[in-house]
Amino acid sequence: MANAAAKKREKSAQSMLSNTNLAFAIVNIFYLISHLASNWRDAFGYSLWLRVAIFGGLNFFCRGMILSSIRSGLTYELYFDFLCINLLVQFGTSFSGYFWYIYLVIPGYFIYQGVRRLLDWVFTPDPEEADDEVNYAGMSRKERRKEERRRAKLSKQ
């Protein structure tokens, strides 16, 4: 059982590689057939092949990052999401050019994460300040006065 974790990761990487290759091949074939069927003159221009190169480059980049993440034992969810978005856009642009707008999800996600972290940083109290404040809600009047006297003594020292 030596090196079982590495063998398991390699098996997972090979499975992911075969699945992404299959999805990539199906979407690319459908994309090429649909665009060439609708406008066969497009095959002789650079526009179609440039789009195929862009989609292919993004797909291969995401696939490579997924495989290296799996082999390193790291998470790969973000790259997998990018790969799925790219395949969705490639498939969708076969029907409408407006599917390119789906790529706006990616910067939108990063803006959301940045704003969320900024707000968490701004509105999270410091642990030192939280210790100074005492929760008086569960205390009786006598206990509150006792605690205030104790704090006053500590602050004078």
N, C-alpha and C. Protein backbone atom coordinates (compact mmCIF):
# COMPACT_ATOMS: atom_id res chain seq x y z
N MET A 1 0.82 -1.20 0.00
CA MET A 1 0.00 0.00 0.00
C MET A 1 0.86 1.26 0.00
N ALA A 2 2.13 1.11 -0.32
CA ALA A 2 2.99 2.28 -0.35
C ALA A 2 2.57 3.19 -1.50
N ASN A 3 2.50 4.49 -1.18
CA ASN A 3 2.19 5.50 -2.19
C ASN A 3 0.77 5.34 -2.76
N ALA A 4 -0.16 4.89 -1.93
CA ALA A 4 -1.54 4.68 -2.38
C ALA A 4 -2.23 6.00 -2.73
N ALA A 5 -1.92 7.05 -1.98
CA ALA A 5 -2.55 8.35 -2.24
C ALA A 5 -2.13 8.89 -3.61
N ALA A 6 -0.86 8.71 -3.96
CA ALA A 6 -0.38 9.18 -5.26
C ALA A 6 -1.03 8.39 -6.39
N LYS A 7 -1.20 7.09 -6.18
CA LYS A 7 -1.87 6.26 -7.21
C LYS A 7 -3.33 6.69 -7.37
N LYS A 8 -3.98 7.00 -6.26
CA LYS A 8 -5.38 7.43 -6.31
C LYS A 8 -5.49 8.77 -7.04
N ARG A 9 -4.57 9.70 -6.75
CA ARG A 9 -4.58 10.99 -7.44
C ARG A 9 -4.33 10.83 -8.93
N GLU A 10 -3.42 9.94 -9.30
CA GLU A 10 -3.12 9.72 -10.72
C GLU A 10 -4.33 9.11 -11.44
N LYS A 11 -5.01 8.20 -10.76
CA LYS A 11 -6.21 7.60 -11.36
C LYS A 11 -7.29 8.67 -11.54
N SER A 12 -7.44 9.54 -10.55
CA SER A 12 -8.41 10.63 -10.65
C SER A 12 -8.03 11.58 -11.78
N ALA A 13 -6.74 11.86 -11.93
CA ALA A 13 -6.28 12.74 -13.01
C ALA A 13 -6.56 12.13 -14.37
N GLN A 14 -6.33 10.84 -14.52
CA GLN A 14 -6.59 10.18 -15.81
C GLN A 14 -8.08 10.17 -16.12
N SER A 15 -8.90 9.97 -15.11
CA SER A 15 -10.36 10.00 -15.31
C SER A 15 -10.80 11.40 -15.74
N MET A 16 -10.29 12.44 -15.07
CA MET A 16 -10.63 13.81 -15.42
C MET A 16 -10.14 14.14 -16.83
N LEU A 17 -8.97 13.66 -17.18
CA LEU A 17 -8.41 13.91 -18.51
C LEU A 17 -9.29 13.30 -19.60
N SER A 18 -9.74 12.08 -19.40
CA SER A 18 -10.58 11.44 -20.42
C SER A 18 -11.93 12.14 -20.52
N ASN A 19 -12.50 12.54 -19.39
CA ASN A 19 -13.80 13.23 -19.42
C ASN A 19 -13.69 14.59 -20.09
N THR A 20 -12.64 15.36 -19.78
CA THR A 20 -12.51 16.67 -20.40
C THR A 20 -12.18 16.56 -21.89
N ASN A 21 -11.40 15.56 -22.27
CA ASN A 21 -11.12 15.36 -23.70
C ASN A 21 -12.40 15.03 -24.46
N LEU A 22 -13.25 14.20 -23.89
CA LEU A 22 -14.51 13.83 -24.53
C LEU A 22 -15.41 15.06 -24.69
N ALA A 23 -15.56 15.83 -23.60
CA ALA A 23 -16.40 17.03 -23.66
C ALA A 23 -15.84 18.04 -24.66
N PHE A 24 -14.53 18.22 -24.64
CA PHE A 24 -13.89 19.15 -25.55
C PHE A 24 -14.10 18.72 -27.00
N ALA A 25 -13.96 17.45 -27.29
CA ALA A 25 -14.14 16.95 -28.66
C ALA A 25 -15.58 17.12 -29.13
N ILE A 26 -16.54 16.77 -28.29
CA ILE A 26 -17.95 16.88 -28.67
C ILE A 26 -18.33 18.33 -28.95
N VAL A 27 -17.95 19.23 -28.05
CA VAL A 27 -18.32 20.64 -28.22
C VAL A 27 -17.61 21.23 -29.43
N ASN A 28 -16.34 20.90 -29.64
CA ASN A 28 -15.62 21.43 -30.81
C ASN A 28 -16.21 20.94 -32.11
N ILE A 29 -16.54 19.67 -32.20
CA ILE A 29 -17.12 19.13 -33.43
C ILE A 29 -18.47 19.79 -33.71
N PHE A 30 -19.30 19.91 -32.68
CA PHE A 30 -20.59 20.56 -32.86
C PHE A 30 -20.42 22.02 -33.28
N TYR A 31 -19.47 22.71 -32.66
CA TYR A 31 -19.22 24.12 -32.97
C TYR A 31 -18.78 24.28 -34.43
N LEU A 32 -17.84 23.46 -34.86
CA LEU A 32 -17.36 23.56 -36.23
C LEU A 32 -18.44 23.21 -37.24
N ILE A 33 -19.17 22.14 -36.98
CA ILE A 33 -20.23 21.74 -37.93
C ILE A 33 -21.31 22.81 -38.02
N SER A 34 -21.74 23.33 -36.88
CA SER A 34 -22.82 24.33 -36.91
C SER A 34 -22.37 25.61 -37.61
N HIS A 35 -21.15 26.05 -37.37
CA HIS A 35 -20.69 27.28 -38.02
C HIS A 35 -20.40 27.08 -39.50
N LEU A 36 -19.86 25.94 -39.86
CA LEU A 36 -19.59 25.69 -41.28
C LEU A 36 -20.88 25.43 -42.05
N ALA A 37 -21.87 24.84 -41.40
CA ALA A 37 -23.15 24.60 -42.07
C ALA A 37 -23.90 25.90 -42.30
N SER A 38 -23.78 26.83 -41.36
CA SER A 38 -24.52 28.08 -41.52
C SER A 38 -23.82 29.05 -42.47
N ASN A 39 -22.50 28.98 -42.51
CA ASN A 39 -21.76 29.89 -43.39
C ASN A 39 -20.47 29.18 -43.81
N TRP A 40 -20.50 28.50 -44.93
CA TRP A 40 -19.35 27.71 -45.35
C TRP A 40 -18.17 28.59 -45.76
N ARG A 41 -18.43 29.85 -46.12
CA ARG A 41 -17.34 30.76 -46.49
C ARG A 41 -16.48 31.11 -45.27
N ASP A 42 -17.04 30.93 -44.11
CA ASP A 42 -16.32 31.23 -42.87
C ASP A 42 -15.10 30.33 -42.70
N ALA A 43 -15.10 29.17 -43.35
CA ALA A 43 -13.98 28.23 -43.23
C ALA A 43 -12.72 28.79 -43.85
N PHE A 44 -12.87 29.71 -44.80
CA PHE A 44 -11.70 30.24 -45.49
C PHE A 44 -11.20 31.54 -44.86
N GLY A 45 -11.94 32.08 -43.91
CA GLY A 45 -11.52 33.30 -43.23
C GLY A 45 -10.80 32.97 -41.93
N TYR A 46 -10.30 33.99 -41.30
CA TYR A 46 -9.58 33.77 -40.05
C TYR A 46 -10.49 33.83 -38.83
N SER A 47 -11.67 34.35 -38.98
CA SER A 47 -12.57 34.57 -37.85
C SER A 47 -12.93 33.26 -37.13
N LEU A 48 -13.37 32.26 -37.85
CA LEU A 48 -13.76 31.00 -37.23
C LEU A 48 -12.57 30.33 -36.57
N TRP A 49 -11.46 30.30 -37.25
CA TRP A 49 -10.29 29.60 -36.72
C TRP A 49 -9.67 30.34 -35.55
N LEU A 50 -9.81 31.65 -35.54
CA LEU A 50 -9.34 32.42 -34.40
C LEU A 50 -10.20 32.11 -33.16
N ARG A 51 -11.50 32.03 -33.35
CA ARG A 51 -12.39 31.67 -32.24
C ARG A 51 -12.11 30.26 -31.74
N VAL A 52 -11.87 29.33 -32.65
CA VAL A 52 -11.54 27.96 -32.25
C VAL A 52 -10.22 27.95 -31.47
N ALA A 53 -9.26 28.76 -31.90
CA ALA A 53 -7.97 28.82 -31.19
C ALA A 53 -8.14 29.42 -29.79
N ILE A 54 -8.98 30.44 -29.66
CA ILE A 54 -9.21 31.04 -28.34
C ILE A 54 -9.88 30.04 -27.42
N PHE A 55 -10.95 29.41 -27.91
CA PHE A 55 -11.64 28.40 -27.09
C PHE A 55 -10.71 27.26 -26.73
N GLY A 56 -9.96 26.78 -27.71
CA GLY A 56 -9.04 25.67 -27.46
C GLY A 56 -7.96 26.02 -26.47
N GLY A 57 -7.41 27.23 -26.60
CA GLY A 57 -6.38 27.67 -25.66
C GLY A 57 -6.89 27.74 -24.24
N LEU A 58 -8.09 28.31 -24.06
CA LEU A 58 -8.67 28.37 -22.72
C LEU A 58 -8.97 26.97 -22.18
N ASN A 59 -9.48 26.11 -23.04
CA ASN A 59 -9.79 24.75 -22.60
C ASN A 59 -8.52 24.00 -22.18
N PHE A 60 -7.47 24.11 -22.98
CA PHE A 60 -6.24 23.40 -22.65
C PHE A 60 -5.57 23.98 -21.40
N PHE A 61 -5.65 25.30 -21.22
CA PHE A 61 -5.10 25.91 -20.01
C PHE A 61 -5.83 25.39 -18.77
N CYS A 62 -7.16 25.43 -18.81
CA CYS A 62 -7.94 24.97 -17.65
C CYS A 62 -7.71 23.48 -17.40
N ARG A 63 -7.67 22.71 -18.46
CA ARG A 63 -7.45 21.27 -18.31
C ARG A 63 -6.08 20.99 -17.70
N GLY A 64 -5.07 21.71 -18.15
CA GLY A 64 -3.72 21.54 -17.59
C GLY A 64 -3.65 21.92 -16.13
N MET A 65 -4.32 23.02 -15.77
CA MET A 65 -4.31 23.44 -14.37
C MET A 65 -5.08 22.45 -13.49
N ILE A 66 -6.15 21.89 -14.02
CA ILE A 66 -6.91 20.88 -13.26
C ILE A 66 -6.03 19.66 -13.01
N LEU A 67 -5.35 19.20 -14.05
CA LEU A 67 -4.50 18.01 -13.89
C LEU A 67 -3.35 18.27 -12.93
N SER A 68 -2.71 19.43 -13.02
CA SER A 68 -1.60 19.70 -12.10
C SER A 68 -2.12 19.86 -10.67
N SER A 69 -3.32 20.40 -10.50
CA SER A 69 -3.89 20.52 -9.16
C SER A 69 -4.20 19.15 -8.58
N ILE A 70 -4.75 18.28 -9.40
CA ILE A 70 -5.06 16.92 -8.92
C ILE A 70 -3.78 16.20 -8.54
N ARG A 71 -2.77 16.29 -9.38
CA ARG A 71 -1.51 15.58 -9.10
C ARG A 71 -0.78 16.16 -7.89
N SER A 72 -1.02 17.43 -7.59
CA SER A 72 -0.40 18.05 -6.42
C SER A 72 -1.24 17.85 -5.16
N GLY A 73 -2.46 17.37 -5.33
CA GLY A 73 -3.34 17.17 -4.19
C GLY A 73 -4.08 18.43 -3.77
N LEU A 74 -4.17 19.41 -4.67
CA LEU A 74 -4.84 20.67 -4.38
C LEU A 74 -6.26 20.65 -4.94
N THR A 75 -7.04 21.66 -4.59
CA THR A 75 -8.40 21.76 -5.12
C THR A 75 -8.36 22.38 -6.51
N TYR A 76 -9.33 22.03 -7.33
CA TYR A 76 -9.36 22.50 -8.72
C TYR A 76 -10.73 23.01 -9.12
N GLU A 77 -11.59 23.31 -8.16
CA GLU A 77 -12.95 23.71 -8.47
C GLU A 77 -13.03 24.96 -9.33
N LEU A 78 -12.19 25.94 -9.04
CA LEU A 78 -12.24 27.19 -9.80
C LEU A 78 -11.89 26.97 -11.27
N TYR A 79 -10.85 26.17 -11.53
CA TYR A 79 -10.48 25.88 -12.92
C TYR A 79 -11.55 25.05 -13.62
N PHE A 80 -12.17 24.15 -12.88
CA PHE A 80 -13.24 23.35 -13.47
C PHE A 80 -14.43 24.24 -13.83
N ASP A 81 -14.73 25.21 -12.98
CA ASP A 81 -15.81 26.16 -13.29
C ASP A 81 -15.48 26.96 -14.54
N PHE A 82 -14.24 27.42 -14.67
CA PHE A 82 -13.84 28.15 -15.87
C PHE A 82 -13.95 27.27 -17.11
N LEU A 83 -13.57 26.02 -16.98
CA LEU A 83 -13.67 25.09 -18.11
C LEU A 83 -15.12 24.90 -18.52
N CYS A 84 -16.00 24.73 -17.55
CA CYS A 84 -17.43 24.55 -17.86
C CYS A 84 -18.02 25.81 -18.50
N ILE A 85 -17.64 26.98 -17.99
CA ILE A 85 -18.12 28.23 -18.59
C ILE A 85 -17.63 28.35 -20.02
N ASN A 86 -16.38 28.01 -20.25
CA ASN A 86 -15.83 28.10 -21.61
C ASN A 86 -16.54 27.14 -22.56
N LEU A 87 -16.78 25.92 -22.13
CA LEU A 87 -17.49 24.96 -22.98
C LEU A 87 -18.92 25.40 -23.23
N LEU A 88 -19.57 25.98 -22.21
CA LEU A 88 -20.93 26.48 -22.37
C LEU A 88 -20.97 27.62 -23.39
N VAL A 89 -20.02 28.54 -23.30
CA VAL A 89 -19.98 29.66 -24.24
C VAL A 89 -19.71 29.14 -25.65
N GLN A 90 -18.79 28.20 -25.78
CA GLN A 90 -18.48 27.67 -27.11
C GLN A 90 -19.70 26.96 -27.70
N PHE A 91 -20.39 26.19 -26.89
CA PHE A 91 -21.59 25.51 -27.38
C PHE A 91 -22.69 26.52 -27.71
N GLY A 92 -22.87 27.51 -26.84
CA GLY A 92 -23.94 28.48 -27.02
C GLY A 92 -23.74 29.42 -28.19
N THR A 93 -22.47 29.75 -28.51
CA THR A 93 -22.25 30.65 -29.64
C THR A 93 -22.59 30.00 -30.97
N SER A 94 -22.84 28.70 -30.96
CA SER A 94 -23.33 28.05 -32.17
C SER A 94 -24.73 28.53 -32.50
N PHE A 95 -25.46 28.99 -31.49
CA PHE A 95 -26.84 29.43 -31.68
C PHE A 95 -26.97 30.95 -31.71
N SER A 96 -26.18 31.64 -30.86
CA SER A 96 -26.29 33.08 -30.78
C SER A 96 -24.96 33.68 -30.34
N GLY A 97 -24.66 34.83 -30.88
CA GLY A 97 -23.43 35.52 -30.51
C GLY A 97 -23.49 36.14 -29.14
N TYR A 98 -24.69 36.23 -28.55
CA TYR A 98 -24.84 36.82 -27.24
C TYR A 98 -24.31 35.93 -26.11
N PHE A 99 -23.98 34.70 -26.42
CA PHE A 99 -23.45 33.81 -25.39
C PHE A 99 -22.07 34.26 -24.91
N TRP A 100 -21.41 35.14 -25.66
CA TRP A 100 -20.13 35.66 -25.21
C TRP A 100 -20.28 36.43 -23.90
N TYR A 101 -21.47 36.97 -23.63
CA TYR A 101 -21.70 37.73 -22.41
C TYR A 101 -21.61 36.86 -21.15
N ILE A 102 -21.68 35.56 -21.31
CA ILE A 102 -21.56 34.67 -20.15
C ILE A 102 -20.17 34.80 -19.53
N TYR A 103 -19.19 35.19 -20.33
CA TYR A 103 -17.84 35.39 -19.77
C TYR A 103 -17.81 36.49 -18.71
N LEU A 104 -18.81 37.34 -18.65
CA LEU A 104 -18.86 38.38 -17.63
C LEU A 104 -19.10 37.80 -16.23
N VAL A 105 -19.46 36.53 -16.18
CA VAL A 105 -19.62 35.87 -14.89
C VAL A 105 -18.28 35.81 -14.16
N ILE A 106 -17.19 35.64 -14.89
CA ILE A 106 -15.88 35.46 -14.27
C ILE A 106 -15.43 36.74 -13.54
N PRO A 107 -15.39 37.91 -14.19
CA PRO A 107 -15.02 39.09 -13.41
C PRO A 107 -16.07 39.43 -12.36
N GLY A 108 -17.32 39.12 -12.63
CA GLY A 108 -18.36 39.34 -11.62
C GLY A 108 -18.11 38.53 -10.36
N TYR A 109 -17.66 37.31 -10.52
CA TYR A 109 -17.34 36.46 -9.38
C TYR A 109 -16.19 37.05 -8.57
N PHE A 110 -15.14 37.51 -9.27
CA PHE A 110 -14.00 38.09 -8.56
C PHE A 110 -14.37 39.40 -7.87
N ILE A 111 -15.21 40.21 -8.48
CA ILE A 111 -15.67 41.44 -7.83
C ILE A 111 -16.48 41.09 -6.59
N TYR A 112 -17.37 40.11 -6.69
CA TYR A 112 -18.17 39.68 -5.55
C TYR A 112 -17.28 39.22 -4.40
N GLN A 113 -16.28 38.39 -4.71
CA GLN A 113 -15.38 37.90 -3.67
C GLN A 113 -14.59 39.05 -3.03
N GLY A 114 -14.12 39.99 -3.84
CA GLY A 114 -13.37 41.12 -3.32
C GLY A 114 -14.21 42.00 -2.41
N VAL A 115 -15.43 42.32 -2.83
CA VAL A 115 -16.31 43.15 -2.02
C VAL A 115 -16.69 42.43 -0.73
N ARG A 116 -16.95 41.13 -0.82
CA ARG A 116 -17.30 40.37 0.38
C ARG A 116 -16.15 40.37 1.38
N ARG A 117 -14.93 40.17 0.91
CA ARG A 117 -13.77 40.17 1.82
C ARG A 117 -13.53 41.56 2.39
N LEU A 118 -13.73 42.59 1.59
CA LEU A 118 -13.56 43.95 2.08
C LEU A 118 -14.58 44.25 3.17
N LEU A 119 -15.84 43.88 2.95
CA LEU A 119 -16.87 44.14 3.96
C LEU A 119 -16.63 43.31 5.22
N ASP A 120 -16.16 42.09 5.07
CA ASP A 120 -15.83 41.29 6.25
C ASP A 120 -14.70 41.94 7.04
N TRP A 121 -13.72 42.46 6.34
CA TRP A 121 -12.59 43.11 7.00
C TRP A 121 -13.03 44.39 7.72
N VAL A 122 -13.91 45.17 7.07
CA VAL A 122 -14.35 46.44 7.65
C VAL A 122 -15.25 46.22 8.86
N PHE A 123 -16.17 45.29 8.78
CA PHE A 123 -17.18 45.15 9.82
C PHE A 123 -16.88 44.08 10.86
N THR A 124 -15.71 43.46 10.81
CA THR A 124 -15.34 42.49 11.84
C THR A 124 -14.58 43.22 12.94
N PRO A 125 -15.08 43.17 14.19
CA PRO A 125 -14.38 43.88 15.26
C PRO A 125 -13.07 43.18 15.62
N ASP A 126 -12.13 43.96 16.12
CA ASP A 126 -10.87 43.41 16.58
C ASP A 126 -11.11 42.53 17.80
N PRO A 127 -10.38 41.45 17.96
CA PRO A 127 -10.56 40.59 19.13
C PRO A 127 -10.24 41.32 20.44
N GLU A 128 -9.30 42.27 20.40
CA GLU A 128 -8.96 43.01 21.61
C GLU A 128 -10.11 43.90 22.04
N GLU A 129 -10.79 44.53 21.07
CA GLU A 129 -11.93 45.38 21.40
C GLU A 129 -13.11 44.55 21.88
N ALA A 130 -13.26 43.36 21.34
CA ALA A 130 -14.38 42.51 21.74
C ALA A 130 -14.21 42.04 23.17
N ASP A 131 -12.97 41.84 23.63
CA ASP A 131 -12.74 41.42 25.01
C ASP A 131 -13.07 42.53 26.01
N ASP A 132 -12.87 43.79 25.58
CA ASP A 132 -13.13 44.90 26.48
C ASP A 132 -14.61 45.08 26.75
N GLU A 133 -15.43 44.76 25.78
CA GLU A 133 -16.86 44.93 25.94
C GLU A 133 -17.44 43.71 26.64
N VAL A 134 -18.22 43.96 27.67
CA VAL A 134 -18.82 42.88 28.44
C VAL A 134 -20.29 42.79 28.06
N ASN A 135 -20.77 41.58 27.95
CA ASN A 135 -22.18 41.38 27.64
C ASN A 135 -22.97 41.48 28.94
N TYR A 136 -23.64 42.61 29.13
CA TYR A 136 -24.39 42.85 30.35
C TYR A 136 -25.82 42.30 30.28
N ALA A 137 -26.20 41.71 29.18
CA ALA A 137 -27.60 41.31 29.00
C ALA A 137 -28.03 40.27 30.03
N GLY A 138 -27.16 39.33 30.35
CA GLY A 138 -27.57 38.26 31.28
C GLY A 138 -27.26 38.57 32.74
N MET A 139 -26.73 39.77 33.03
CA MET A 139 -26.34 40.10 34.39
C MET A 139 -27.44 40.89 35.10
N SER A 140 -27.47 40.69 36.40
CA SER A 140 -28.39 41.50 37.19
C SER A 140 -27.74 42.87 37.42
N ARG A 141 -28.49 43.79 38.00
CA ARG A 141 -27.98 45.13 38.23
C ARG A 141 -26.79 45.10 39.19
N LYS A 142 -26.89 44.26 40.19
CA LYS A 142 -25.82 44.14 41.18
C LYS A 142 -24.54 43.59 40.53
N GLU A 143 -24.67 42.57 39.69
CA GLU A 143 -23.51 41.99 39.00
C GLU A 143 -22.87 42.99 38.05
N ARG A 144 -23.69 43.80 37.38
CA ARG A 144 -23.17 44.81 36.48
C ARG A 144 -22.32 45.84 37.22
N ARG A 145 -22.83 46.32 38.34
CA ARG A 145 -22.08 47.30 39.13
C ARG A 145 -20.79 46.70 39.65
N LYS A 146 -20.83 45.44 40.05
CA LYS A 146 -19.64 44.76 40.53
C LYS A 146 -18.59 44.63 39.42
N GLU A 147 -19.02 44.28 38.25
CA GLU A 147 -18.12 44.16 37.10
C GLU A 147 -17.53 45.51 36.72
N GLU A 148 -18.35 46.56 36.75
CA GLU A 148 -17.86 47.89 36.43
C GLU A 148 -16.81 48.35 37.45
N ARG A 149 -17.02 48.05 38.72
CA ARG A 149 -16.04 48.40 39.76
C ARG A 149 -14.73 47.64 39.53
N ARG A 150 -14.85 46.35 39.20
CA ARG A 150 -13.66 45.54 38.96
C ARG A 150 -12.87 46.09 37.77
N ARG A 151 -13.55 46.48 36.69
CA ARG A 151 -12.89 47.05 35.52
C ARG A 151 -12.26 48.41 35.84
N ALA A 152 -12.93 49.18 36.67
CA ALA A 152 -12.36 50.48 37.05
C ALA A 152 -11.08 50.29 37.83
N LYS A 153 -11.02 49.29 38.71
CA LYS A 153 -9.81 49.01 39.47
C LYS A 153 -8.69 48.58 38.54
N LEU A 154 -9.01 47.71 37.58
CA LEU A 154 -8.00 47.24 36.64
C LEU A 154 -7.44 48.37 35.79
N SER A 155 -8.30 49.31 35.41
CA SER A 155 -7.83 50.40 34.56
C SER A 155 -6.95 51.39 35.32
N LYS A 156 -7.13 51.52 36.68
CA LYS A 156 -6.31 52.41 37.47
C LYS A 156 -4.91 51.85 37.67
N GLN A 157 -4.77 50.55 37.63
CA GLN A 157 -3.47 49.92 37.88
C GLN A 157 -2.58 50.04 36.72
